[in-house]
Amino acid sequence: MGHAGAAAAAVRYLRSAPTPATAPAPVEPLPRPELRCVREGERAPVEAGEFRRVLGHFATGVTVVTAPAAEGEPMPAGFACQSFSSVSLEPPLVCFLVGRTSSTWPRIARAGVFCVNVLGAGQGELCRAFAVSGADKFAGVAHDPAPVSGSPRLAGAAAWIDCTIQAVHTGGDHLIVVGRVNALGTAGDGADPLLFHRGRFARLAPQA
């Protein structure tokens, strides 16, 4: 049968099995792995500049992650983010990465929800506005509330994904934030995405 066939058979069995009368006991999480840091006097295995240069050859989409204003805060939160990915189909999960020193992340964490706005090809300036720190990033930016979380859904975005924070994991100098998708949608006009490649914005080449 092979690994793929066995996995498919297991999924079919689990889906057909009757639901137990009582909920199963929660699964205890595994202990977090110890993070290995470069110690004083120890040479880093990869030079940071070279790491950025080589990884820059991997083209990514560009998003703005937003959250509604938490209690006692005057405005919503948001930041530009390249490190975004889908994680799981069942349940629907996505993730983004944020630096541990981010001043925006604590505000998103307090809100407990977020919306990922996938930027369109013409939204490079909007991305730059959300990449700065300390400014009113929403000044002059048209948006409406996402249907479940109320997070800002930016006008003109190619797609949006409305989420609840599911889990947060450590990842070196970043945090890996996993969100459970509650609602999502697209602009409906097949808008091309904004891309980032080798340190600058890019667009899809027109098809011949």
Protein backbone atom coordinates (compact mmCIF):
# COMPACT_ATOMS: atom_id res chain seq x y z
CA MET A 1 0.00 0.00 0.00
CA GLY A 2 2.86 2.39 0.74
CA HIS A 3 3.03 5.29 3.21
CA ALA A 4 0.61 7.51 1.25
CA GLY A 5 -1.99 4.74 0.91
CA ALA A 6 -1.72 3.83 4.60
CA ALA A 7 -2.13 7.45 5.62
CA ALA A 8 -5.20 7.85 3.40
CA ALA A 9 -6.72 4.66 4.85
CA ALA A 10 -6.12 5.93 8.39
CA VAL A 11 -7.85 9.22 7.62
CA ARG A 12 -10.85 7.38 6.13
CA TYR A 13 -11.07 5.17 9.22
CA LEU A 14 -10.91 8.07 11.66
CA ARG A 15 -13.59 9.97 9.76
CA SER A 16 -15.92 6.95 9.75
CA ALA A 17 -15.36 6.06 13.42
CA PRO A 18 -18.26 6.97 15.77
CA THR A 19 -17.81 10.03 17.92
CA PRO A 20 -17.09 9.05 21.56
CA ALA A 21 -19.69 9.94 24.16
CA THR A 22 -17.18 11.93 26.13
CA ALA A 23 -14.49 14.22 24.84
CA PRO A 24 -10.99 12.72 24.91
CA ALA A 25 -8.51 13.99 27.44
CA PRO A 26 -6.43 16.90 26.16
CA VAL A 27 -3.05 15.97 24.73
CA GLU A 28 -0.18 17.32 26.78
CA PRO A 29 2.17 19.45 24.66
CA LEU A 30 5.73 18.29 24.21
CA PRO A 31 8.39 20.33 26.00
CA ARG A 32 9.83 23.10 23.87
CA PRO A 33 13.26 22.35 22.42
CA GLU A 34 16.17 24.25 23.84
CA LEU A 35 17.24 27.07 21.54
CA ARG A 36 20.91 26.99 20.62
CA CYS A 37 22.42 30.47 20.66
CA VAL A 38 25.81 31.60 19.47
CA ARG A 39 27.86 32.00 22.60
CA GLU A 40 30.40 34.72 23.27
CA GLY A 41 33.54 34.00 21.30
CA GLU A 42 31.80 31.41 19.15
CA ARG A 43 31.59 32.03 15.43
CA ALA A 44 28.11 32.00 13.91
CA PRO A 45 27.82 29.13 11.39
CA VAL A 46 26.41 31.48 8.71
CA GLU A 47 27.18 35.18 8.33
CA ALA A 48 23.99 37.27 8.63
CA GLY A 49 24.55 39.28 5.44
CA GLU A 50 25.14 36.16 3.38
CA PHE A 51 22.06 34.55 4.92
CA ARG A 52 19.92 37.51 3.82
CA ARG A 53 21.49 37.59 0.35
CA VAL A 54 20.91 33.93 -0.42
CA LEU A 55 17.42 33.76 1.11
CA GLY A 56 16.52 36.89 -0.85
CA HIS A 57 16.45 34.74 -3.99
CA PHE A 58 13.28 33.14 -2.66
CA ALA A 59 10.42 35.34 -3.89
CA THR A 60 7.61 35.87 -1.37
CA GLY A 61 4.25 37.51 -1.27
CA VAL A 62 3.78 40.61 0.88
CA THR A 63 1.12 41.00 3.56
CA VAL A 64 0.01 43.42 6.22
CA VAL A 65 -1.08 41.74 9.45
CA THR A 66 -3.65 43.80 11.36
CA ALA A 67 -5.54 43.54 14.64
CA PRO A 68 -8.28 45.62 16.24
CA ALA A 69 -7.42 48.02 19.03
CA ALA A 70 -7.29 46.12 22.30
CA GLU A 71 -9.00 47.56 25.36
CA GLY A 72 -7.44 50.88 26.35
CA GLU A 73 -5.56 51.36 23.07
CA PRO A 74 -6.34 54.30 20.77
CA MET A 75 -5.90 52.63 17.39
CA PRO A 76 -5.60 49.26 15.63
CA ALA A 77 -2.28 47.49 15.19
CA GLY A 78 -0.58 46.46 11.97
CA PHE A 79 2.77 45.65 10.41
CA ALA A 80 4.16 44.59 7.03
CA CYS A 81 5.05 40.90 6.91
CA GLN A 82 6.67 38.69 4.28
CA SER A 83 6.91 35.57 6.44
CA PHE A 84 3.39 34.24 5.97
CA SER A 85 2.29 30.75 5.01
CA SER A 86 -0.59 28.30 5.05
CA VAL A 87 -0.13 25.50 7.60
CA SER A 88 -3.08 23.11 7.63
CA LEU A 89 -6.28 22.41 5.70
CA GLU A 90 -8.15 20.51 8.43
CA PRO A 91 -8.39 22.53 10.61
CA PRO A 92 -7.63 25.60 8.49
CA LEU A 93 -4.46 27.13 9.93
CA VAL A 94 -2.02 29.78 8.73
CA CYS A 95 1.07 31.28 10.32
CA PHE A 96 3.22 34.39 10.26
CA LEU A 97 6.57 35.19 11.82
CA VAL A 98 7.29 38.33 13.81
CA GLY A 99 10.49 39.54 15.45
CA ARG A 100 10.69 39.19 19.22
CA THR A 101 11.58 42.88 19.49
CA SER A 102 8.50 44.01 17.53
CA SER A 103 6.52 46.74 19.30
CA THR A 104 3.39 45.81 17.32
CA TRP A 105 3.27 42.13 18.23
CA PRO A 106 2.28 42.65 21.92
CA ARG A 107 -0.75 44.64 20.75
CA ILE A 108 -1.79 41.87 18.37
CA ALA A 109 -1.26 39.31 21.13
CA ARG A 110 -3.51 41.28 23.50
CA ALA A 111 -6.22 41.43 20.84
CA GLY A 112 -6.00 37.64 20.37
CA VAL A 113 -7.06 37.91 16.72
CA PHE A 114 -5.62 39.17 13.45
CA CYS A 115 -6.31 39.59 9.75
CA VAL A 116 -3.73 38.89 7.05
CA ASN A 117 -4.10 41.30 4.14
CA VAL A 118 -2.40 39.94 1.01
CA LEU A 119 -1.25 43.04 -0.85
CA GLY A 120 -1.90 43.60 -4.53
CA ALA A 121 0.69 44.55 -7.13
CA GLY A 122 0.01 48.28 -6.79
CA GLN A 123 0.26 48.48 -3.00
CA GLY A 124 4.00 48.89 -2.54
CA GLU A 125 3.64 52.30 -0.87
CA LEU A 126 1.04 50.89 1.52
CA CYS A 127 3.52 48.18 2.48
CA ARG A 128 6.21 50.80 3.16
CA ALA A 129 3.80 52.75 5.38
CA PHE A 130 3.20 49.68 7.53
CA ALA A 131 6.92 48.85 7.69
CA VAL A 132 7.75 51.96 9.74
CA SER A 133 7.64 52.10 13.52
CA GLY A 134 5.96 54.63 15.76
CA ALA A 135 3.71 56.33 13.19
CA ASP A 136 -0.06 56.24 12.77
CA LYS A 137 0.01 53.57 10.10
CA PHE A 138 -3.72 53.75 9.45
CA ALA A 139 -3.84 57.48 8.69
CA GLY A 140 -5.57 57.89 5.33
CA VAL A 141 -5.81 54.13 4.78
CA ALA A 142 -9.28 52.91 3.81
CA HIS A 143 -10.37 49.78 5.65
CA ASP A 144 -13.38 48.02 7.10
CA PRO A 145 -13.70 45.43 9.88
CA ALA A 146 -13.11 41.77 9.04
CA PRO A 147 -16.35 39.83 9.62
CA VAL A 148 -15.33 37.74 12.65
CA SER A 149 -12.43 39.44 14.43
CA GLY A 150 -13.11 43.05 13.50
CA SER A 151 -9.46 43.42 12.47
CA PRO A 152 -8.85 46.06 9.78
CA ARG A 153 -9.38 44.67 6.31
CA LEU A 154 -7.45 46.95 3.97
CA ALA A 155 -9.13 48.28 0.84
CA GLY A 156 -7.59 47.01 -2.38
CA ALA A 157 -5.93 43.93 -0.86
CA ALA A 158 -5.83 40.94 -3.20
CA ALA A 159 -7.05 38.64 -0.40
CA TRP A 160 -7.75 38.62 3.32
CA ILE A 161 -7.69 35.90 6.00
CA ASP A 162 -9.47 36.54 9.32
CA CYS A 163 -7.99 34.53 12.21
CA THR A 164 -7.91 33.77 15.91
CA ILE A 165 -4.49 33.16 17.49
CA GLN A 166 -4.16 29.41 17.97
CA ALA A 167 -0.58 29.03 19.23
CA VAL A 168 2.74 30.86 19.47
CA HIS A 169 6.07 29.05 19.14
CA THR A 170 9.65 30.23 19.53
CA GLY A 171 11.82 30.38 16.44
CA GLY A 172 15.23 31.89 17.22
CA ASP A 173 14.92 35.68 17.17
CA HIS A 174 11.34 35.41 15.86
CA LEU A 175 8.01 34.07 17.07
CA ILE A 176 5.90 31.72 14.95
CA VAL A 177 2.26 32.73 15.32
CA VAL A 178 -0.30 30.15 14.24
CA GLY A 179 -3.82 31.35 13.51
CA ARG A 180 -7.07 29.45 13.05
CA VAL A 181 -8.93 30.76 10.02
CA ASN A 182 -12.48 31.94 10.71
CA ALA A 183 -13.25 33.66 7.40
CA LEU A 184 -11.42 34.61 4.21
CA GLY A 185 -11.98 36.05 0.77
CA THR A 186 -10.46 37.72 -2.30
CA ALA A 187 -10.86 40.96 -4.16
CA GLY A 188 -12.82 39.03 -6.76
CA ASP A 189 -11.10 40.53 -9.78
CA GLY A 190 -8.06 38.28 -10.01
CA ALA A 191 -5.70 41.01 -8.78
CA ASP A 192 -2.00 40.20 -9.13
CA PRO A 193 -0.06 39.95 -5.86
CA LEU A 194 2.77 42.20 -4.72
CA LEU A 195 6.02 40.20 -4.58
CA PHE A 196 9.33 40.77 -2.82
CA HIS A 197 12.53 39.45 -4.38
CA ARG A 198 16.20 40.24 -3.74
CA GLY A 199 15.46 43.29 -1.62
CA ARG A 200 12.86 44.99 -3.82
CA PHE A 201 9.24 44.74 -4.89
CA ALA A 202 8.40 42.75 -8.01
CA ARG A 203 5.39 41.79 -10.06
CA LEU A 204 4.35 38.73 -12.00
CA ALA A 205 5.47 38.89 -15.61
CA PRO A 206 2.58 39.20 -18.06
CA GLN A 207 1.72 35.95 -19.80
CA ALA A 208 2.50 35.75 -23.49
